Amino acid sequence: MPRIKLKTDDQILDAIGIFLQREGLSNFTFRKLSQEVELSEATLIQRFGSKDDLFLRLSQRNADTIKVIFQTAAEAVDDPLGGLVAGFTTFVAGITDATAIGPNIAFLQIAMNNPRIHQAISTSMKGLEAAINDLLQEAIARCRLKDDTETAVLAHRLLVVYNGTVMTWAMLGRGDLKMELSNNLYALLRPYVSNSSVGDPRTT
């Protein structure tokens, strides 16, 4: 009979995310993770393999949750455009200091030198673009966007604005990131909004 896992893989991956935000990637070790999740180093290595394998799993899981985040946000406000912005701002929720995005930059640096992790991040970003595109298509169907909107192009631009806003905010070190991101996303969306659209006034 197989042993019952005291902590699921998802619980451990959640703990890694919290640890990385708090301590940074340079301080990550299996020993410290074992203290965080109250499991032995041997158990963690047996379940996840190397550090790179663990980071790969983390990247793959992020890709799986992206579409759910956007769909949940859109359903909550009953508006694909409002849900789109809400989904993006979910990614930066709780970030009030530029040092909080340091682990993400360090993780990206690791990915650039590891083809497997880089491929996982690339897949995640493509999944994000696809999720954005789905909501933009829904917005057209619900007369929130103009019929001739090139949704694939707009989806990519929204992704660029998201990443650019986060990095610029971190370098300038001023203002509220969530508000800055929301304003920039709505500014990009505004020219594409249908004249007959009824929804969030920030898109009109």
C-alpha atoms as a PDB file:
ATOM      1  CA  MET A   1       0.000   0.000   0.000  1.00  0.00           C
ATOM      2  CA  PRO A   2       1.539   3.365  -1.004  1.00  0.00           C
ATOM      3  CA  ARG A   3       2.407   5.808   1.762  1.00  0.00           C
ATOM      4  CA  ILE A   4       0.202   8.859   2.157  1.00  0.00           C
ATOM      5  CA  LYS A   5       2.111  12.039   1.311  1.00  0.00           C
ATOM      6  CA  LEU A   6       2.206  14.301   4.351  1.00  0.00           C
ATOM      7  CA  LYS A   7       2.338  17.297   2.027  1.00  0.00           C
ATOM      8  CA  THR A   8       1.209  17.357  -1.562  1.00  0.00           C
ATOM      9  CA  ASP A   9       3.487  18.518  -4.371  1.00  0.00           C
ATOM     10  CA  ASP A  10       1.256  21.577  -4.839  1.00  0.00           C
ATOM     11  CA  GLN A  11       1.635  22.501  -1.173  1.00  0.00           C
ATOM     12  CA  ILE A  12       5.403  22.284  -1.507  1.00  0.00           C
ATOM     13  CA  LEU A  13       5.388  24.361  -4.704  1.00  0.00           C
ATOM     14  CA  ASP A  14       3.242  26.965  -2.932  1.00  0.00           C
ATOM     15  CA  ALA A  15       5.810  27.048  -0.133  1.00  0.00           C
ATOM     16  CA  ILE A  16       8.613  27.561  -2.661  1.00  0.00           C
ATOM     17  CA  GLY A  17       6.802  30.550  -4.140  1.00  0.00           C
ATOM     18  CA  ILE A  18       6.402  32.108  -0.693  1.00  0.00           C
ATOM     19  CA  PHE A  19      10.018  31.357   0.198  1.00  0.00           C
ATOM     20  CA  LEU A  20      11.379  32.880  -3.010  1.00  0.00           C
ATOM     21  CA  GLN A  21       9.408  36.068  -2.506  1.00  0.00           C
ATOM     22  CA  ARG A  22      10.653  36.359   1.068  1.00  0.00           C
ATOM     23  CA  GLU A  23      14.257  35.174   0.835  1.00  0.00           C
ATOM     24  CA  GLY A  24      15.236  35.416  -2.819  1.00  0.00           C
ATOM     25  CA  LEU A  25      16.520  32.779  -5.207  1.00  0.00           C
ATOM     26  CA  SER A  26      20.147  33.045  -4.115  1.00  0.00           C
ATOM     27  CA  ASN A  27      19.201  31.822  -0.639  1.00  0.00           C
ATOM     28  CA  PHE A  28      17.227  28.805  -1.866  1.00  0.00           C
ATOM     29  CA  THR A  29      18.503  25.383  -0.810  1.00  0.00           C
ATOM     30  CA  PHE A  30      16.834  22.052  -0.193  1.00  0.00           C
ATOM     31  CA  ARG A  31      17.877  22.334   3.445  1.00  0.00           C
ATOM     32  CA  LYS A  32      16.025  25.619   3.878  1.00  0.00           C
ATOM     33  CA  LEU A  33      13.045  24.298   1.946  1.00  0.00           C
ATOM     34  CA  SER A  34      12.953  21.224   4.182  1.00  0.00           C
ATOM     35  CA  GLN A  35      12.640  23.523   7.194  1.00  0.00           C
ATOM     36  CA  GLU A  36       9.925  25.502   5.465  1.00  0.00           C
ATOM     37  CA  VAL A  37       7.742  22.481   4.667  1.00  0.00           C
ATOM     38  CA  GLU A  38       8.857  20.262   7.577  1.00  0.00           C
ATOM     39  CA  LEU A  39      10.035  17.431   5.357  1.00  0.00           C
ATOM     40  CA  SER A  40      13.523  15.966   5.120  1.00  0.00           C
ATOM     41  CA  GLU A  41      15.949  16.970   2.377  1.00  0.00           C
ATOM     42  CA  ALA A  42      16.067  13.328   1.260  1.00  0.00           C
ATOM     43  CA  THR A  43      12.286  13.252   0.843  1.00  0.00           C
ATOM     44  CA  LEU A  44      12.296  16.436  -1.221  1.00  0.00           C
ATOM     45  CA  ILE A  45      15.107  15.226  -3.472  1.00  0.00           C
ATOM     46  CA  GLN A  46      13.362  11.891  -3.932  1.00  0.00           C
ATOM     47  CA  ARG A  47      10.148  13.613  -4.986  1.00  0.00           C
ATOM     48  CA  PHE A  48      11.539  16.445  -7.096  1.00  0.00           C
ATOM     49  CA  GLY A  49      15.098  15.525  -8.085  1.00  0.00           C
ATOM     50  CA  SER A  50      17.497  18.421  -8.539  1.00  0.00           C
ATOM     51  CA  LYS A  51      16.884  22.127  -7.947  1.00  0.00           C
ATOM     52  CA  ASP A  52      16.502  22.588 -11.691  1.00  0.00           C
ATOM     53  CA  ASP A  53      13.857  19.836 -11.765  1.00  0.00           C
ATOM     54  CA  LEU A  54      12.027  21.596  -8.949  1.00  0.00           C
ATOM     55  CA  PHE A  55      12.114  24.942 -10.745  1.00  0.00           C
ATOM     56  CA  LEU A  56      10.896  23.223 -13.905  1.00  0.00           C
ATOM     57  CA  ARG A  57       7.893  21.840 -12.034  1.00  0.00           C
ATOM     58  CA  LEU A  58       7.174  25.305 -10.664  1.00  0.00           C
ATOM     59  CA  SER A  59       7.242  26.800 -14.178  1.00  0.00           C
ATOM     60  CA  GLN A  60       4.974  24.088 -15.558  1.00  0.00           C
ATOM     61  CA  ARG A  61       2.429  24.552 -12.791  1.00  0.00           C
ATOM     62  CA  ASN A  62       2.331  28.301 -13.382  1.00  0.00           C
ATOM     63  CA  ALA A  63       1.425  27.627 -17.013  1.00  0.00           C
ATOM     64  CA  ASP A  64      -1.474  25.416 -15.925  1.00  0.00           C
ATOM     65  CA  THR A  65      -3.020  28.040 -13.628  1.00  0.00           C
ATOM     66  CA  ILE A  66      -2.903  31.090 -15.910  1.00  0.00           C
ATOM     67  CA  LYS A  67      -6.112  30.443 -17.861  1.00  0.00           C
ATOM     68  CA  VAL A  68      -7.997  29.659 -14.659  1.00  0.00           C
ATOM     69  CA  ILE A  69      -6.924  33.002 -13.142  1.00  0.00           C
ATOM     70  CA  PHE A  70      -8.217  35.000 -16.115  1.00  0.00           C
ATOM     71  CA  GLN A  71     -11.468  33.088 -16.489  1.00  0.00           C
ATOM     72  CA  THR A  72     -12.207  33.355 -12.772  1.00  0.00           C
ATOM     73  CA  ALA A  73     -11.535  37.094 -12.822  1.00  0.00           C
ATOM     74  CA  ALA A  74     -13.766  37.629 -15.873  1.00  0.00           C
ATOM     75  CA  GLU A  75     -16.632  35.642 -14.347  1.00  0.00           C
ATOM     76  CA  ALA A  76     -16.358  37.584 -11.094  1.00  0.00           C
ATOM     77  CA  VAL A  77     -16.991  40.948 -12.806  1.00  0.00           C
ATOM     78  CA  ASP A  78     -19.087  39.579 -15.716  1.00  0.00           C
ATOM     79  CA  ASP A  79     -16.897  41.497 -18.163  1.00  0.00           C
ATOM     80  CA  PRO A  80     -14.097  40.045 -20.300  1.00  0.00           C
ATOM     81  CA  LEU A  81     -12.147  43.321 -20.392  1.00  0.00           C
ATOM     82  CA  GLY A  82     -12.512  44.010 -16.693  1.00  0.00           C
ATOM     83  CA  GLY A  83     -11.589  40.395 -16.039  1.00  0.00           C
ATOM     84  CA  LEU A  84      -8.541  40.750 -18.253  1.00  0.00           C
ATOM     85  CA  VAL A  85      -7.212  43.672 -16.229  1.00  0.00           C
ATOM     86  CA  ALA A  86      -8.170  41.995 -12.953  1.00  0.00           C
ATOM     87  CA  GLY A  87      -6.298  38.865 -14.030  1.00  0.00           C
ATOM     88  CA  PHE A  88      -3.136  40.830 -14.752  1.00  0.00           C
ATOM     89  CA  THR A  89      -3.325  42.739 -11.468  1.00  0.00           C
ATOM     90  CA  THR A  90      -3.692  39.421  -9.624  1.00  0.00           C
ATOM     91  CA  PHE A  91      -0.116  38.641 -10.651  1.00  0.00           C
ATOM     92  CA  VAL A  92       1.192  41.730  -8.825  1.00  0.00           C
ATOM     93  CA  ALA A  93      -1.128  41.628  -5.826  1.00  0.00           C
ATOM     94  CA  GLY A  94       0.729  42.383  -2.617  1.00  0.00           C
ATOM     95  CA  ILE A  95       3.861  43.721  -4.336  1.00  0.00           C
ATOM     96  CA  THR A  96       4.652  47.061  -2.709  1.00  0.00           C
ATOM     97  CA  ASP A  97       8.436  47.061  -2.943  1.00  0.00           C
ATOM     98  CA  ALA A  98      10.665  46.621  -5.992  1.00  0.00           C
ATOM     99  CA  THR A  99      12.762  44.001  -4.210  1.00  0.00           C
ATOM    100  CA  ALA A 100       9.771  41.654  -4.380  1.00  0.00           C
ATOM    101  CA  ILE A 101      10.280  41.083  -8.104  1.00  0.00           C
ATOM    102  CA  GLY A 102      13.972  40.304  -7.644  1.00  0.00           C
ATOM    103  CA  PRO A 103      13.348  36.538  -7.392  1.00  0.00           C
ATOM    104  CA  ASN A 104      11.448  36.623 -10.704  1.00  0.00           C
ATOM    105  CA  ILE A 105      14.394  38.305 -12.435  1.00  0.00           C
ATOM    106  CA  ALA A 106      16.835  35.846 -10.875  1.00  0.00           C
ATOM    107  CA  PHE A 107      14.605  32.952 -11.941  1.00  0.00           C
ATOM    108  CA  LEU A 108      14.539  34.278 -15.495  1.00  0.00           C
ATOM    109  CA  GLN A 109      18.328  34.459 -15.478  1.00  0.00           C
ATOM    110  CA  ILE A 110      18.487  30.782 -14.522  1.00  0.00           C
ATOM    111  CA  ALA A 111      15.982  29.945 -17.244  1.00  0.00           C
ATOM    112  CA  MET A 112      18.062  31.649 -19.927  1.00  0.00           C
ATOM    113  CA  ASN A 113      20.856  29.188 -19.174  1.00  0.00           C
ATOM    114  CA  ASN A 114      18.665  26.110 -18.834  1.00  0.00           C
ATOM    115  CA  PRO A 115      16.866  25.032 -22.025  1.00  0.00           C
ATOM    116  CA  ARG A 116      14.259  22.925 -20.182  1.00  0.00           C
ATOM    117  CA  ILE A 117      13.236  25.727 -17.815  1.00  0.00           C
ATOM    118  CA  HIS A 118      13.367  28.264 -20.632  1.00  0.00           C
ATOM    119  CA  GLN A 119      11.037  26.078 -22.685  1.00  0.00           C
ATOM    120  CA  ALA A 120       8.637  25.822 -19.728  1.00  0.00           C
ATOM    121  CA  ILE A 121       8.587  29.602 -19.305  1.00  0.00           C
ATOM    122  CA  SER A 122       8.086  30.045 -23.054  1.00  0.00           C
ATOM    123  CA  THR A 123       5.134  27.645 -22.898  1.00  0.00           C
ATOM    124  CA  SER A 124       3.765  29.581 -19.927  1.00  0.00           C
ATOM    125  CA  MET A 125       3.981  32.881 -21.803  1.00  0.00           C
ATOM    126  CA  LYS A 126       2.303  31.389 -24.876  1.00  0.00           C
ATOM    127  CA  GLY A 127      -0.440  30.068 -22.611  1.00  0.00           C
ATOM    128  CA  LEU A 128      -0.826  33.549 -21.150  1.00  0.00           C
ATOM    129  CA  GLU A 129      -1.155  35.062 -24.634  1.00  0.00           C
ATOM    130  CA  ALA A 130      -3.748  32.428 -25.530  1.00  0.00           C
ATOM    131  CA  ALA A 131      -5.764  33.133 -22.373  1.00  0.00           C
ATOM    132  CA  ILE A 132      -5.674  36.867 -23.135  1.00  0.00           C
ATOM    133  CA  ASN A 133      -6.735  36.212 -26.727  1.00  0.00           C
ATOM    134  CA  ASP A 134      -9.691  34.096 -25.541  1.00  0.00           C
ATOM    135  CA  LEU A 135     -10.998  36.963 -23.405  1.00  0.00           C
ATOM    136  CA  LEU A 136     -10.522  39.444 -26.236  1.00  0.00           C
ATOM    137  CA  GLN A 137     -12.502  37.153 -28.561  1.00  0.00           C
ATOM    138  CA  GLU A 138     -15.233  36.973 -25.924  1.00  0.00           C
ATOM    139  CA  ALA A 139     -15.177  40.771 -25.682  1.00  0.00           C
ATOM    140  CA  ILE A 140     -15.841  41.004 -29.436  1.00  0.00           C
ATOM    141  CA  ALA A 141     -18.695  38.517 -29.151  1.00  0.00           C
ATOM    142  CA  ARG A 142     -20.217  40.612 -26.365  1.00  0.00           C
ATOM    143  CA  CYS A 143     -19.774  43.865 -28.338  1.00  0.00           C
ATOM    144  CA  ARG A 144     -17.170  45.187 -25.913  1.00  0.00           C
ATOM    145  CA  LEU A 145     -14.497  45.409 -28.611  1.00  0.00           C
ATOM    146  CA  LYS A 146     -14.710  46.481 -32.247  1.00  0.00           C
ATOM    147  CA  ASP A 147     -15.333  43.629 -34.688  1.00  0.00           C
ATOM    148  CA  ASP A 148     -12.124  44.307 -36.636  1.00  0.00           C
ATOM    149  CA  THR A 149      -9.846  44.088 -33.569  1.00  0.00           C
ATOM    150  CA  GLU A 150      -6.838  41.869 -34.286  1.00  0.00           C
ATOM    151  CA  THR A 151      -6.989  39.989 -31.022  1.00  0.00           C
ATOM    152  CA  ALA A 152      -3.703  38.103 -31.411  1.00  0.00           C
ATOM    153  CA  VAL A 153      -1.824  41.372 -31.953  1.00  0.00           C
ATOM    154  CA  LEU A 154      -3.601  43.084 -29.066  1.00  0.00           C
ATOM    155  CA  ALA A 155      -2.984  40.105 -26.782  1.00  0.00           C
ATOM    156  CA  HIS A 156       0.737  40.348 -27.435  1.00  0.00           C
ATOM    157  CA  ARG A 157       0.758  44.112 -26.831  1.00  0.00           C
ATOM    158  CA  LEU A 158      -1.074  43.658 -23.531  1.00  0.00           C
ATOM    159  CA  LEU A 159       1.553  41.157 -22.465  1.00  0.00           C
ATOM    160  CA  VAL A 160       4.317  43.608 -23.404  1.00  0.00           C
ATOM    161  CA  VAL A 161       2.603  46.392 -21.434  1.00  0.00           C
ATOM    162  CA  TYR A 162       2.287  44.112 -18.421  1.00  0.00           C
ATOM    163  CA  ASN A 163       5.963  43.149 -18.385  1.00  0.00           C
ATOM    164  CA  GLY A 164       7.128  46.647 -19.265  1.00  0.00           C
ATOM    165  CA  THR A 165       5.035  48.231 -16.521  1.00  0.00           C
ATOM    166  CA  VAL A 166       6.388  45.894 -13.862  1.00  0.00           C
ATOM    167  CA  MET A 167      10.009  46.478 -14.851  1.00  0.00           C
ATOM    168  CA  THR A 168       9.625  50.255 -15.220  1.00  0.00           C
ATOM    169  CA  TRP A 169       7.852  50.523 -11.865  1.00  0.00           C
ATOM    170  CA  ALA A 170      10.658  48.554 -10.230  1.00  0.00           C
ATOM    171  CA  MET A 171      13.346  50.807 -11.710  1.00  0.00           C
ATOM    172  CA  LEU A 172      11.605  54.098 -10.949  1.00  0.00           C
ATOM    173  CA  GLY A 173      10.506  52.967  -7.510  1.00  0.00           C
ATOM    174  CA  ARG A 174       7.415  55.121  -7.269  1.00  0.00           C
ATOM    175  CA  GLY A 175       3.641  54.836  -7.214  1.00  0.00           C
ATOM    176  CA  ASP A 176       1.298  51.901  -6.712  1.00  0.00           C
ATOM    177  CA  LEU A 177       2.118  49.021  -9.065  1.00  0.00           C
ATOM    178  CA  LYS A 178      -1.406  47.636  -9.229  1.00  0.00           C
ATOM    179  CA  MET A 179      -2.865  51.048 -10.103  1.00  0.00           C
ATOM    180  CA  GLU A 180      -0.094  51.814 -12.600  1.00  0.00           C
ATOM    181  CA  LEU A 181      -0.612  48.482 -14.338  1.00  0.00           C
ATOM    182  CA  SER A 182      -4.381  48.870 -14.420  1.00  0.00           C
ATOM    183  CA  ASN A 183      -4.145  52.376 -15.920  1.00  0.00           C
ATOM    184  CA  ASN A 184      -1.667  51.282 -18.607  1.00  0.00           C
ATOM    185  CA  LEU A 185      -3.748  48.269 -19.626  1.00  0.00           C
ATOM    186  CA  TYR A 186      -6.934  50.306 -19.894  1.00  0.00           C
ATOM    187  CA  ALA A 187      -5.088  52.970 -21.905  1.00  0.00           C
ATOM    188  CA  LEU A 188      -4.059  50.333 -24.446  1.00  0.00           C
ATOM    189  CA  LEU A 189      -7.540  48.795 -24.600  1.00  0.00           C
ATOM    190  CA  ARG A 190      -9.466  52.079 -24.930  1.00  0.00           C
ATOM    191  CA  PRO A 191      -9.039  52.669 -28.715  1.00  0.00           C
ATOM    192  CA  TYR A 192     -10.332  49.172 -29.448  1.00  0.00           C
ATOM    193  CA  VAL A 193     -13.522  49.453 -27.409  1.00  0.00           C
ATOM    194  CA  SER A 194     -16.781  49.384 -29.379  1.00  0.00           C
ATOM    195  CA  ASN A 195     -18.803  52.604 -29.489  1.00  0.00           C
ATOM    196  CA  SER A 196     -21.842  50.619 -28.334  1.00  0.00           C
ATOM    197  CA  SER A 197     -19.932  49.012 -25.478  1.00  0.00           C
ATOM    198  CA  VAL A 198     -21.365  49.065 -21.979  1.00  0.00           C
ATOM    199  CA  GLY A 199     -18.877  48.205 -19.285  1.00  0.00           C
ATOM    200  CA  ASP A 200     -16.122  49.604 -17.152  1.00  0.00           C
ATOM    201  CA  PRO A 201     -15.995  53.403 -17.783  1.00  0.00           C
ATOM    202  CA  ARG A 202     -12.195  53.297 -17.844  1.00  0.00           C
ATOM    203  CA  THR A 203     -12.372  51.592 -21.262  1.00  0.00           C
ATOM    204  CA  THR A 204     -14.575  54.284 -22.793  1.00  0.00           C
END
